[in-house]
């Protein structure tokens, strides 16, 4: 793990949904935690795990390409489970 803490980055999505990640912490409100959405929630959890790992390793998630990639991944997950 990198000793260099990364600043918090917020990714915003439609409907006031978000993921905030920085250092070794993550906060989100994308998952519904309803049984019928278990697969969607699992996909979101996988993306969150990757974001947290990248942040923990010191990867700068605040760059425009990183933000665009996260947006694209979240949209792909939403479309897959729509």
Protein backbone atom coordinates (compact mmCIF):
# COMPACT_ATOMS: atom_id res chain seq x y z
CA UNK A 1 0.00 0.00 0.00
CA UNK A 2 1.06 3.53 -0.69
CA UNK A 3 1.85 5.76 2.25
CA UNK A 4 0.70 8.76 0.25
CA UNK A 5 -2.96 9.44 1.12
CA UNK A 6 -5.15 10.49 -1.78
CA UNK A 7 -7.72 13.27 -1.39
CA UNK A 8 -11.38 12.32 -1.35
CA UNK A 9 -12.96 12.11 -4.79
CA UNK A 10 -16.69 12.16 -5.35
CA UNK A 11 -18.39 10.51 -8.30
CA UNK A 12 -21.96 11.79 -8.86
CA UNK A 13 -24.71 9.90 -10.65
CA UNK A 14 -28.34 10.64 -11.57
CA UNK A 15 -30.82 10.64 -8.72
CA UNK A 16 -28.43 12.17 -6.17
CA UNK A 17 -26.45 8.93 -6.04
CA UNK A 18 -22.73 9.04 -5.35
CA UNK A 19 -19.53 7.21 -4.51
CA UNK A 20 -16.94 9.02 -2.39
CA UNK A 21 -13.52 7.45 -2.11
CA UNK A 22 -10.33 8.71 -0.58
CA UNK A 23 -7.39 7.06 1.08
CA UNK A 24 -8.69 3.83 2.53
CA UNK A 25 -12.34 4.83 2.96
CA UNK A 26 -15.39 4.65 0.73
CA UNK A 27 -18.95 5.91 1.12
CA UNK A 28 -21.80 5.32 -1.34
CA UNK A 29 -25.55 5.29 -1.73
CA UNK A 30 -25.91 3.28 -4.95
CA UNK A 31 -26.92 -0.09 -3.50
CA UNK A 32 -30.54 -0.79 -2.62
CA UNK A 33 -29.86 -3.73 -0.27
CA UNK A 34 -33.12 -5.32 -1.47
CA UNK A 35 -33.10 -9.06 -2.20
CA UNK A 36 -34.33 -8.52 -5.76
CA UNK A 37 -31.32 -6.26 -6.45
CA UNK A 38 -28.67 -8.63 -5.08
CA UNK A 39 -26.84 -9.06 -8.40
CA UNK A 40 -26.80 -5.30 -9.08
CA UNK A 41 -25.56 -4.62 -5.54
CA UNK A 42 -22.83 -7.26 -5.99
CA UNK A 43 -21.68 -5.62 -9.22
CA UNK A 44 -21.55 -2.21 -7.49
CA UNK A 45 -19.62 -3.78 -4.59
CA UNK A 46 -17.06 -5.15 -7.04
CA UNK A 47 -16.57 -1.73 -8.61
CA UNK A 48 -16.27 -0.16 -5.17
CA UNK A 49 -13.65 -2.71 -4.15
CA UNK A 50 -11.57 -1.82 -7.18
CA UNK A 51 -11.91 1.93 -6.51
CA UNK A 52 -10.91 1.46 -2.88
CA UNK A 53 -7.91 -0.67 -3.85
CA UNK A 54 -6.77 1.89 -6.42
CA UNK A 55 -7.13 4.72 -3.93
CA UNK A 56 -5.32 2.74 -1.24
CA UNK A 57 -2.42 2.21 -3.64
CA UNK A 58 -2.20 5.94 -4.31
CA UNK A 59 -3.82 6.05 -7.75
CA UNK A 60 -5.22 9.52 -8.49
CA UNK A 61 -8.93 8.99 -9.15
CA UNK A 62 -9.59 12.70 -9.56
CA UNK A 63 -8.26 12.87 -13.13
CA UNK A 64 -10.77 13.35 -15.96
CA UNK A 65 -9.98 9.91 -17.50
CA UNK A 66 -10.47 8.17 -14.13
CA UNK A 67 -13.76 9.98 -13.52
CA UNK A 68 -14.97 9.14 -17.03
CA UNK A 69 -14.05 5.47 -16.56
CA UNK A 70 -15.96 5.23 -13.27
CA UNK A 71 -18.98 6.91 -14.87
CA UNK A 72 -18.86 4.49 -17.79
CA UNK A 73 -18.59 1.47 -15.49
CA UNK A 74 -21.49 2.61 -13.30
CA UNK A 75 -23.65 3.23 -16.39
CA UNK A 76 -22.78 -0.21 -17.76
CA UNK A 77 -23.79 -1.84 -14.47
CA UNK A 78 -27.06 0.12 -14.37
CA UNK A 79 -27.83 -0.83 -17.99
CA UNK A 80 -27.05 -4.49 -17.37
CA UNK A 81 -29.54 -4.69 -14.50
CA UNK A 82 -32.21 -2.28 -15.82
